[in-house]
C-alpha cells in the first residue's frame, strides 16, 4: 500500500472514530469575526457587535476555566477569562473600525489638561460591557433564585444572560 493510501485510511479512521472534539480559540475567533463582519454588513452597530463578541469571549474563558479541575495558580479563572477576552477581541478589533470623539471641557483653553478630546473605540467598549454582563449574570440569576425560594426557571442562567444582552443591544442600536 502506498503512503497516500495509508494516509487516506488513517485520516478516515481518525475523522470518523473520534469520540469528542474540542475547538480552540483560533477557530472560534474566526467564526466570531465572520459573524461580526456579517452583522456589520447588515447595519448592526460596532458597539453591539462588540457586546456579543465580548460576551462570547468571556463565556469561552469561563468554560475553559471550568474544564481545568485543579487550581495551579492564584486567580487562575480570572487569568483564563482575560486571556480568552484578549485573544478573541484584539484580533477582531482592526476589522471593526468605529471610533467616536468625546470632548471634555472643564476649565481653560482647548488642549489644556482639563480640556481635551478623547477618542474611544465603540467595539472595545461593547466588548467590555458584554464581558461584564456575562460575569454579572450568574449573580443576578442567584438573586432571582433566592427571591423565588430556591426555584429556578429551566435554562435560567442562559436565558437571563441572552435576554440582558439582547435588551442592552437593542437599546444601544437605537440610542447610539
N, C-alpha and C. Protein backbone atom coordinates (compact mmCIF):
# COMPACT_ATOMS: atom_id res chain seq x y z
N UNK A 1 0.86 -1.17 0.00
CA UNK A 1 0.00 0.00 0.00
C UNK A 1 0.90 1.23 0.00
N UNK A 2 0.60 2.20 -0.87
CA UNK A 2 1.39 3.43 -0.95
C UNK A 2 1.11 4.33 0.25
N UNK A 3 2.00 5.28 0.45
CA UNK A 3 1.85 6.16 1.61
C UNK A 3 0.63 7.05 1.50
N UNK A 4 0.17 7.37 0.27
CA UNK A 4 -1.03 8.19 0.11
C UNK A 4 -2.28 7.42 0.53
N UNK A 5 -2.31 6.14 0.17
CA UNK A 5 -3.45 5.31 0.58
C UNK A 5 -3.46 5.11 2.08
N UNK A 6 -2.29 4.90 2.66
CA UNK A 6 -2.17 4.73 4.11
C UNK A 6 -2.63 5.99 4.83
N UNK A 7 -2.23 7.15 4.32
CA UNK A 7 -2.64 8.42 4.90
C UNK A 7 -4.16 8.59 4.80
N UNK A 8 -4.74 8.21 3.68
CA UNK A 8 -6.19 8.32 3.49
C UNK A 8 -6.93 7.41 4.46
N UNK A 9 -6.46 6.18 4.64
CA UNK A 9 -7.09 5.25 5.57
C UNK A 9 -6.99 5.76 7.00
N UNK A 10 -5.81 6.25 7.38
CA UNK A 10 -5.63 6.79 8.73
C UNK A 10 -6.51 8.02 8.95
N UNK A 11 -6.60 8.89 7.95
CA UNK A 11 -7.44 10.08 8.06
C UNK A 11 -8.90 9.69 8.24
N UNK A 12 -9.36 8.72 7.43
CA UNK A 12 -10.73 8.24 7.54
C UNK A 12 -10.99 7.69 8.94
N UNK A 13 -10.06 6.89 9.44
CA UNK A 13 -10.20 6.30 10.77
C UNK A 13 -10.27 7.39 11.84
N UNK A 14 -9.39 8.36 11.76
CA UNK A 14 -9.35 9.41 12.77
C UNK A 14 -10.60 10.28 12.73
N UNK A 15 -11.04 10.66 11.54
CA UNK A 15 -12.18 11.56 11.43
C UNK A 15 -13.47 10.90 11.93
N UNK A 16 -13.69 9.64 11.58
CA UNK A 16 -14.96 9.01 11.89
C UNK A 16 -14.97 8.20 13.19
N UNK A 17 -13.85 8.13 13.88
CA UNK A 17 -13.81 7.36 15.11
C UNK A 17 -13.42 8.19 16.33
N UNK A 18 -13.39 9.50 16.17
CA UNK A 18 -13.10 10.37 17.31
C UNK A 18 -14.38 10.54 18.12
N UNK A 19 -14.27 10.32 19.41
CA UNK A 19 -15.45 10.40 20.27
C UNK A 19 -15.79 11.84 20.65
N UNK A 20 -14.79 12.70 20.84
CA UNK A 20 -15.02 14.07 21.28
C UNK A 20 -14.04 14.99 20.57
N UNK A 21 -14.51 16.19 20.28
CA UNK A 21 -13.64 17.20 19.67
C UNK A 21 -13.78 18.48 20.48
N UNK A 22 -12.67 19.11 20.77
CA UNK A 22 -12.68 20.38 21.49
C UNK A 22 -12.10 21.46 20.59
N UNK A 23 -12.93 22.44 20.23
CA UNK A 23 -12.45 23.53 19.41
C UNK A 23 -11.59 24.46 20.26
N UNK A 24 -10.71 25.15 19.61
CA UNK A 24 -9.83 26.08 20.32
C UNK A 24 -10.11 27.49 19.82
N UNK A 25 -9.64 28.47 20.53
CA UNK A 25 -9.93 29.88 20.26
C UNK A 25 -9.70 30.34 18.82
N UNK A 26 -8.65 29.94 18.11
CA UNK A 26 -8.50 30.46 16.74
C UNK A 26 -9.70 30.16 15.85
N UNK A 27 -10.24 28.96 15.95
CA UNK A 27 -11.40 28.60 15.16
C UNK A 27 -12.61 29.43 15.59
N UNK A 28 -12.81 29.54 16.88
CA UNK A 28 -13.94 30.31 17.39
C UNK A 28 -13.78 31.79 17.05
N UNK A 29 -12.56 32.29 17.14
CA UNK A 29 -12.31 33.69 16.82
C UNK A 29 -12.63 33.97 15.36
N UNK A 30 -12.24 33.07 14.48
CA UNK A 30 -12.55 33.25 13.06
C UNK A 30 -14.06 33.24 12.84
N UNK A 31 -14.74 32.32 13.50
CA UNK A 31 -16.20 32.28 13.39
C UNK A 31 -16.84 33.55 13.91
N UNK A 32 -16.33 34.06 15.03
CA UNK A 32 -16.84 35.30 15.59
C UNK A 32 -16.56 36.47 14.66
N UNK A 33 -15.38 36.47 14.04
CA UNK A 33 -15.03 37.56 13.12
C UNK A 33 -15.93 37.54 11.89
N UNK A 34 -16.23 36.37 11.38
CA UNK A 34 -17.14 36.26 10.23
C UNK A 34 -18.54 36.73 10.62
N UNK A 35 -18.99 36.33 11.80
CA UNK A 35 -20.31 36.77 12.28
C UNK A 35 -20.33 38.28 12.47
N UNK A 36 -19.25 38.84 13.02
CA UNK A 36 -19.16 40.29 13.22
C UNK A 36 -19.19 41.02 11.89
N UNK A 37 -18.44 40.51 10.91
CA UNK A 37 -18.44 41.13 9.59
C UNK A 37 -19.82 41.08 8.95
N UNK A 38 -20.49 39.95 9.09
CA UNK A 38 -21.85 39.83 8.55
C UNK A 38 -22.82 40.77 9.23
N UNK A 39 -22.69 40.90 10.55
CA UNK A 39 -23.56 41.82 11.29
C UNK A 39 -23.30 43.26 10.88
N UNK A 40 -22.02 43.62 10.72
CA UNK A 40 -21.68 44.98 10.29
C UNK A 40 -22.23 45.26 8.90
N UNK A 41 -22.15 44.28 8.01
CA UNK A 41 -22.68 44.42 6.66
C UNK A 41 -24.19 44.66 6.69
N UNK A 42 -24.88 44.04 7.66
CA UNK A 42 -26.32 44.19 7.78
C UNK A 42 -26.72 45.47 8.50
N UNK A 43 -25.74 46.24 8.99
CA UNK A 43 -26.05 47.52 9.62
C UNK A 43 -26.06 47.52 11.13
N UNK A 44 -25.66 46.44 11.75
CA UNK A 44 -25.58 46.40 13.21
C UNK A 44 -24.38 47.25 13.62
N UNK A 45 -24.57 48.09 14.62
CA UNK A 45 -23.50 49.00 15.04
C UNK A 45 -22.38 48.25 15.74
N UNK A 46 -21.17 48.80 15.63
CA UNK A 46 -19.98 48.16 16.18
C UNK A 46 -20.07 47.91 17.69
N UNK A 47 -20.74 48.79 18.41
CA UNK A 47 -20.83 48.61 19.86
C UNK A 47 -21.66 47.37 20.20
N UNK A 48 -22.67 47.08 19.40
CA UNK A 48 -23.50 45.88 19.63
C UNK A 48 -22.73 44.63 19.23
N UNK A 49 -22.01 44.70 18.12
CA UNK A 49 -21.17 43.57 17.71
C UNK A 49 -20.15 43.29 18.80
N UNK A 50 -19.54 44.35 19.33
CA UNK A 50 -18.60 44.19 20.43
C UNK A 50 -19.25 43.60 21.66
N UNK A 51 -20.47 44.00 21.94
CA UNK A 51 -21.21 43.47 23.09
C UNK A 51 -21.29 41.94 23.03
N UNK A 52 -21.67 41.42 21.88
CA UNK A 52 -21.83 39.97 21.75
C UNK A 52 -20.48 39.25 21.62
N UNK A 53 -19.50 39.86 20.97
CA UNK A 53 -18.18 39.24 20.88
C UNK A 53 -17.53 39.20 22.27
N UNK A 54 -17.66 40.27 23.04
CA UNK A 54 -17.13 40.29 24.40
C UNK A 54 -17.80 39.25 25.29
N UNK A 55 -19.11 39.12 25.15
CA UNK A 55 -19.84 38.11 25.91
C UNK A 55 -19.38 36.71 25.52
N UNK A 56 -19.20 36.49 24.23
CA UNK A 56 -18.70 35.21 23.74
C UNK A 56 -17.32 34.91 24.30
N UNK A 57 -16.43 35.91 24.28
CA UNK A 57 -15.06 35.72 24.75
C UNK A 57 -15.03 35.38 26.24
N UNK A 58 -15.81 36.10 27.02
CA UNK A 58 -15.86 35.83 28.45
C UNK A 58 -16.47 34.46 28.74
N UNK A 59 -17.53 34.12 28.03
CA UNK A 59 -18.16 32.81 28.22
C UNK A 59 -17.19 31.69 27.88
N UNK A 60 -16.44 31.86 26.80
CA UNK A 60 -15.45 30.87 26.41
C UNK A 60 -14.39 30.73 27.50
N UNK A 61 -13.95 31.85 28.06
CA UNK A 61 -12.95 31.81 29.13
C UNK A 61 -13.46 31.09 30.36
N UNK A 62 -14.70 31.38 30.77
CA UNK A 62 -15.27 30.70 31.93
C UNK A 62 -15.44 29.21 31.66
N UNK A 63 -15.81 28.86 30.44
CA UNK A 63 -15.99 27.45 30.07
C UNK A 63 -14.66 26.71 30.15
N UNK A 64 -13.61 27.29 29.58
CA UNK A 64 -12.29 26.65 29.62
C UNK A 64 -11.80 26.55 31.06
N UNK A 65 -11.99 27.59 31.85
CA UNK A 65 -11.55 27.57 33.24
C UNK A 65 -12.27 26.48 34.03
N UNK A 66 -13.52 26.23 33.70
CA UNK A 66 -14.29 25.20 34.40
C UNK A 66 -13.78 23.79 34.04
N UNK A 67 -13.23 23.64 32.85
CA UNK A 67 -12.70 22.34 32.43
C UNK A 67 -11.45 21.95 33.23
N UNK A 68 -10.72 22.94 33.71
CA UNK A 68 -9.50 22.66 34.47
C UNK A 68 -9.90 22.45 35.93
N UNK A 69 -9.82 21.22 36.37
CA UNK A 69 -10.31 20.84 37.70
C UNK A 69 -9.41 21.29 38.84
N UNK A 70 -8.10 21.37 38.58
CA UNK A 70 -7.16 21.70 39.63
C UNK A 70 -6.72 23.16 39.50
N UNK A 71 -6.57 23.81 40.65
CA UNK A 71 -6.09 25.19 40.65
C UNK A 71 -4.57 25.19 40.71
N UNK A 72 -3.94 25.69 39.64
CA UNK A 72 -2.49 25.69 39.55
C UNK A 72 -1.87 27.01 40.01
N UNK A 73 -2.56 28.12 39.74
CA UNK A 73 -2.03 29.43 40.10
C UNK A 73 -3.14 30.28 40.72
N UNK A 74 -2.77 31.29 41.52
CA UNK A 74 -3.80 32.19 42.05
C UNK A 74 -4.50 32.94 40.92
N UNK A 75 -5.76 33.20 41.10
CA UNK A 75 -6.58 33.92 40.12
C UNK A 75 -6.60 33.21 38.77
N UNK A 76 -6.57 31.90 38.78
CA UNK A 76 -6.50 31.10 37.55
C UNK A 76 -7.69 31.39 36.63
N UNK A 77 -8.89 31.38 37.18
CA UNK A 77 -10.08 31.61 36.36
C UNK A 77 -10.05 33.00 35.75
N UNK A 78 -9.72 34.01 36.54
CA UNK A 78 -9.68 35.37 36.02
C UNK A 78 -8.65 35.51 34.91
N UNK A 79 -7.50 34.89 35.08
CA UNK A 79 -6.45 34.96 34.06
C UNK A 79 -6.91 34.29 32.77
N UNK A 80 -7.56 33.14 32.89
CA UNK A 80 -8.05 32.43 31.71
C UNK A 80 -9.11 33.26 30.98
N UNK A 81 -10.01 33.89 31.74
CA UNK A 81 -11.05 34.72 31.12
C UNK A 81 -10.43 35.93 30.42
N UNK A 82 -9.45 36.55 31.06
CA UNK A 82 -8.80 37.73 30.45
C UNK A 82 -8.04 37.33 29.18
N UNK A 83 -7.33 36.21 29.23
CA UNK A 83 -6.61 35.74 28.04
C UNK A 83 -7.59 35.40 26.93
N UNK A 84 -8.70 34.76 27.27
CA UNK A 84 -9.72 34.45 26.27
C UNK A 84 -10.27 35.73 25.66
N UNK A 85 -10.54 36.73 26.50
CA UNK A 85 -11.04 38.01 26.01
C UNK A 85 -10.04 38.65 25.05
N UNK A 86 -8.78 38.72 25.49
CA UNK A 86 -7.76 39.38 24.67
C UNK A 86 -7.51 38.64 23.35
N UNK A 87 -7.49 37.31 23.40
CA UNK A 87 -7.21 36.54 22.18
C UNK A 87 -8.41 36.46 21.24
N UNK A 88 -9.57 36.86 21.71
CA UNK A 88 -10.74 36.90 20.84
C UNK A 88 -10.99 38.32 20.33
N UNK A 89 -10.96 39.30 21.23
CA UNK A 89 -11.33 40.66 20.88
C UNK A 89 -10.22 41.37 20.10
N UNK A 90 -8.99 41.27 20.55
CA UNK A 90 -7.91 42.02 19.90
C UNK A 90 -7.71 41.66 18.43
N UNK A 91 -7.78 40.37 18.04
CA UNK A 91 -7.63 40.08 16.60
C UNK A 91 -8.77 40.63 15.74
N UNK A 92 -9.95 40.82 16.32
CA UNK A 92 -11.10 41.31 15.56
C UNK A 92 -11.11 42.84 15.51
N UNK A 93 -10.50 43.51 16.49
CA UNK A 93 -10.55 44.98 16.56
C UNK A 93 -10.13 45.70 15.28
N UNK A 94 -9.07 45.27 14.59
CA UNK A 94 -8.71 46.00 13.36
C UNK A 94 -9.78 45.93 12.28
N UNK A 95 -10.61 44.92 12.33
CA UNK A 95 -11.69 44.79 11.34
C UNK A 95 -12.88 45.68 11.67
N UNK A 96 -13.02 46.05 12.92
CA UNK A 96 -14.19 46.80 13.37
C UNK A 96 -13.82 48.26 13.58
N UNK A 97 -13.83 49.01 12.49
CA UNK A 97 -13.49 50.43 12.55
C UNK A 97 -14.71 51.20 13.06
N UNK A 98 -14.57 51.80 14.19
CA UNK A 98 -15.67 52.59 14.73
C UNK A 98 -15.23 53.31 15.98
N UNK A 99 -14.85 54.57 15.82
CA UNK A 99 -14.43 55.36 16.97
C UNK A 99 -15.30 56.61 17.03
N UNK A 100 -15.43 57.13 18.23
CA UNK A 100 -16.21 58.35 18.45
C UNK A 100 -15.37 59.31 19.27
N UNK A 101 -15.56 60.60 19.03
CA UNK A 101 -14.86 61.58 19.87
C UNK A 101 -15.66 61.90 21.12
N UNK A 102 -14.96 62.22 22.18
CA UNK A 102 -15.59 62.66 23.42
C UNK A 102 -14.84 63.90 23.87
N UNK A 103 -15.49 65.05 23.78
CA UNK A 103 -14.84 66.31 24.17
C UNK A 103 -15.20 66.60 25.61
N UNK A 104 -14.19 66.80 26.43
CA UNK A 104 -14.39 67.14 27.83
C UNK A 104 -13.84 68.54 28.04
N UNK A 105 -14.73 69.45 28.46
CA UNK A 105 -14.36 70.84 28.68
C UNK A 105 -14.67 71.20 30.13
N UNK A 106 -13.63 71.44 30.90
CA UNK A 106 -13.84 71.80 32.30
C UNK A 106 -13.42 73.25 32.54
N UNK A 107 -12.12 73.53 32.40
CA UNK A 107 -11.59 74.88 32.63
C UNK A 107 -10.46 75.14 31.65
N UNK A 108 -10.38 76.32 31.13
CA UNK A 108 -9.23 76.71 30.33
C UNK A 108 -9.44 76.55 28.84
N UNK A 109 -8.33 76.73 28.11
CA UNK A 109 -8.35 76.66 26.65
C UNK A 109 -8.34 75.20 26.18
N UNK A 110 -8.73 75.05 24.91
CA UNK A 110 -8.68 73.73 24.30
C UNK A 110 -7.24 73.23 24.28
N UNK A 111 -7.04 72.01 24.65
CA UNK A 111 -5.70 71.43 24.68
C UNK A 111 -5.07 71.47 26.05
N UNK A 112 -5.65 72.23 26.99
CA UNK A 112 -5.10 72.23 28.34
C UNK A 112 -5.42 70.88 28.98
N UNK A 113 -4.89 70.67 30.15
CA UNK A 113 -5.03 69.38 30.82
C UNK A 113 -6.49 68.99 31.05
N UNK A 114 -7.33 69.97 31.30
CA UNK A 114 -8.73 69.67 31.62
C UNK A 114 -9.67 69.81 30.43
N UNK A 115 -9.17 70.23 29.28
CA UNK A 115 -9.99 70.35 28.08
C UNK A 115 -9.35 69.55 26.96
N UNK A 116 -9.88 68.42 26.70
CA UNK A 116 -9.31 67.56 25.67
C UNK A 116 -10.42 66.81 24.94
N UNK A 117 -10.07 66.37 23.74
CA UNK A 117 -10.94 65.47 23.00
C UNK A 117 -10.32 64.08 23.05
N UNK A 118 -11.09 63.16 23.54
CA UNK A 118 -10.63 61.77 23.65
C UNK A 118 -11.36 60.95 22.60
N UNK A 119 -10.70 59.96 22.07
CA UNK A 119 -11.30 59.08 21.08
C UNK A 119 -11.47 57.71 21.73
N UNK A 120 -12.66 57.15 21.61
CA UNK A 120 -12.90 55.84 22.18
C UNK A 120 -13.42 54.89 21.10
N UNK A 121 -13.07 53.63 21.26
CA UNK A 121 -13.42 52.59 20.31
C UNK A 121 -14.74 51.95 20.74
N UNK A 122 -15.76 52.07 19.91
CA UNK A 122 -17.08 51.52 20.24
C UNK A 122 -17.06 50.01 20.37
N UNK A 123 -16.32 49.34 19.51
CA UNK A 123 -16.26 47.88 19.56
C UNK A 123 -15.65 47.42 20.89
N UNK A 124 -14.58 48.08 21.32
CA UNK A 124 -13.92 47.71 22.57
C UNK A 124 -14.82 47.97 23.77
N UNK A 125 -15.50 49.09 23.78
CA UNK A 125 -16.42 49.39 24.88
C UNK A 125 -17.55 48.37 24.93
N UNK A 126 -18.10 48.02 23.78
CA UNK A 126 -19.13 46.99 23.73
C UNK A 126 -18.61 45.64 24.21
N UNK A 127 -17.39 45.30 23.84
CA UNK A 127 -16.79 44.03 24.26
C UNK A 127 -16.64 43.95 25.77
N UNK A 128 -16.16 45.03 26.35
CA UNK A 128 -16.00 45.06 27.81
C UNK A 128 -17.37 44.96 28.48
N UNK A 129 -18.35 45.69 27.96
CA UNK A 129 -19.71 45.63 28.51
C UNK A 129 -20.29 44.22 28.41
N UNK A 130 -20.09 43.56 27.29
CA UNK A 130 -20.57 42.18 27.12
C UNK A 130 -19.92 41.23 28.12
N UNK A 131 -18.64 41.41 28.37
CA UNK A 131 -17.94 40.58 29.35
C UNK A 131 -18.46 40.82 30.76
N UNK A 132 -18.73 42.08 31.08
CA UNK A 132 -19.27 42.42 32.40
C UNK A 132 -20.64 41.77 32.58
N UNK A 133 -21.45 41.78 31.55
CA UNK A 133 -22.79 41.16 31.63
C UNK A 133 -22.66 39.67 31.88
N UNK A 134 -21.76 39.01 31.17
CA UNK A 134 -21.56 37.56 31.38
C UNK A 134 -21.07 37.28 32.79
N UNK A 135 -20.23 38.16 33.32
CA UNK A 135 -19.73 38.00 34.68
C UNK A 135 -20.85 38.23 35.70
N UNK A 136 -21.72 39.21 35.46
CA UNK A 136 -22.76 39.58 36.43
C UNK A 136 -23.99 38.68 36.37
N UNK A 137 -24.26 38.07 35.25
CA UNK A 137 -25.49 37.28 35.08
C UNK A 137 -25.66 36.16 36.11
N UNK A 138 -24.62 35.39 36.46
CA UNK A 138 -24.83 34.36 37.48
C UNK A 138 -25.24 34.93 38.85
N UNK A 139 -24.73 36.11 39.19
CA UNK A 139 -25.12 36.74 40.45
C UNK A 139 -26.58 37.18 40.40
N UNK A 140 -26.99 37.74 39.27
CA UNK A 140 -28.39 38.14 39.10
C UNK A 140 -29.29 36.91 39.12
N UNK A 141 -28.84 35.85 38.46
CA UNK A 141 -29.60 34.60 38.47
C UNK A 141 -29.75 34.05 39.89
N UNK A 142 -28.68 34.14 40.66
CA UNK A 142 -28.74 33.69 42.05
C UNK A 142 -29.74 34.50 42.87
N UNK A 143 -29.79 35.81 42.62
CA UNK A 143 -30.75 36.66 43.34
C UNK A 143 -32.18 36.30 42.95
N UNK A 144 -32.39 36.00 41.66
CA UNK A 144 -33.73 35.60 41.21
C UNK A 144 -34.12 34.28 41.87
N UNK A 145 -33.20 33.33 41.91
CA UNK A 145 -33.46 32.04 42.54
C UNK A 145 -33.78 32.22 44.02
N UNK A 146 -33.03 33.06 44.69
CA UNK A 146 -33.27 33.32 46.11
C UNK A 146 -34.63 33.96 46.33
N UNK A 147 -35.00 34.91 45.45
CA UNK A 147 -36.30 35.57 45.56
C UNK A 147 -37.45 34.59 45.29
N UNK A 148 -37.18 33.54 44.53
CA UNK A 148 -38.20 32.54 44.21
C UNK A 148 -38.11 31.34 45.15
N UNK A 149 -37.51 31.51 46.32
CA UNK A 149 -37.38 30.45 47.33
C UNK A 149 -36.66 29.22 46.81
N UNK A 150 -35.58 29.43 46.08
CA UNK A 150 -34.74 28.32 45.60
C UNK A 150 -35.20 27.67 44.31
N UNK A 151 -36.28 28.15 43.74
CA UNK A 151 -36.78 27.58 42.48
C UNK A 151 -36.12 28.29 41.31
N UNK A 152 -35.80 27.51 40.28
CA UNK A 152 -35.21 28.10 39.07
C UNK A 152 -36.11 27.85 37.87
N UNK A 153 -35.95 28.69 36.90
CA UNK A 153 -36.63 28.53 35.62
C UNK A 153 -35.71 27.66 34.76
N UNK A 154 -36.24 26.78 33.92
CA UNK A 154 -35.35 25.99 33.06
C UNK A 154 -34.44 26.90 32.23
N UNK A 155 -33.16 26.56 32.21
CA UNK A 155 -32.14 27.34 31.48
C UNK A 155 -32.11 28.80 31.93
N UNK A 156 -32.31 29.02 33.21
CA UNK A 156 -32.41 30.36 33.75
C UNK A 156 -31.17 31.21 33.47
N UNK A 157 -29.99 30.67 33.71
CA UNK A 157 -28.75 31.43 33.51
C UNK A 157 -28.56 31.85 32.07
N UNK A 158 -28.73 30.91 31.17
CA UNK A 158 -28.56 31.20 29.74
C UNK A 158 -29.61 32.18 29.25
N UNK A 159 -30.86 31.96 29.64
CA UNK A 159 -31.96 32.83 29.23
C UNK A 159 -31.75 34.25 29.75
N UNK A 160 -31.33 34.35 31.00
CA UNK A 160 -31.10 35.66 31.60
C UNK A 160 -29.96 36.40 30.90
N UNK A 161 -28.86 35.71 30.68
CA UNK A 161 -27.71 36.34 30.03
C UNK A 161 -28.08 36.81 28.62
N UNK A 162 -28.69 35.94 27.85
CA UNK A 162 -29.07 36.31 26.48
C UNK A 162 -30.10 37.43 26.47
N UNK A 163 -31.04 37.41 27.40
CA UNK A 163 -32.06 38.47 27.47
C UNK A 163 -31.43 39.82 27.79
N UNK A 164 -30.52 39.85 28.75
CA UNK A 164 -29.85 41.11 29.10
C UNK A 164 -29.05 41.62 27.90
N UNK A 165 -28.31 40.72 27.23
CA UNK A 165 -27.54 41.12 26.06
C UNK A 165 -28.44 41.68 24.96
N UNK A 166 -29.56 41.01 24.70
CA UNK A 166 -30.49 41.48 23.67
C UNK A 166 -31.11 42.82 24.01
N UNK A 167 -31.53 42.99 25.26
CA UNK A 167 -32.16 44.25 25.67
C UNK A 167 -31.16 45.41 25.56
N UNK A 168 -29.96 45.20 26.08
CA UNK A 168 -28.95 46.26 26.00
C UNK A 168 -28.54 46.50 24.55
N UNK A 169 -28.46 45.43 23.75
CA UNK A 169 -28.13 45.57 22.34
C UNK A 169 -29.15 46.40 21.58
N UNK A 170 -30.43 46.14 21.82
CA UNK A 170 -31.49 46.90 21.15
C UNK A 170 -31.44 48.35 21.58
N UNK A 171 -31.27 48.59 22.89
CA UNK A 171 -31.20 49.97 23.39
C UNK A 171 -30.02 50.71 22.74
N UNK A 172 -28.86 50.07 22.73
CA UNK A 172 -27.68 50.73 22.14
C UNK A 172 -27.83 50.95 20.65
N UNK A 173 -28.45 50.03 19.94
CA UNK A 173 -28.67 50.19 18.50
C UNK A 173 -29.56 51.39 18.22
N UNK A 174 -30.56 51.60 19.08
CA UNK A 174 -31.47 52.72 18.88
C UNK A 174 -30.89 54.06 19.35
N UNK A 175 -30.08 54.03 20.39
CA UNK A 175 -29.58 55.27 21.00
C UNK A 175 -28.31 55.78 20.35
N UNK A 176 -27.39 54.87 20.03
CA UNK A 176 -26.07 55.30 19.53
C UNK A 176 -26.13 55.71 18.07
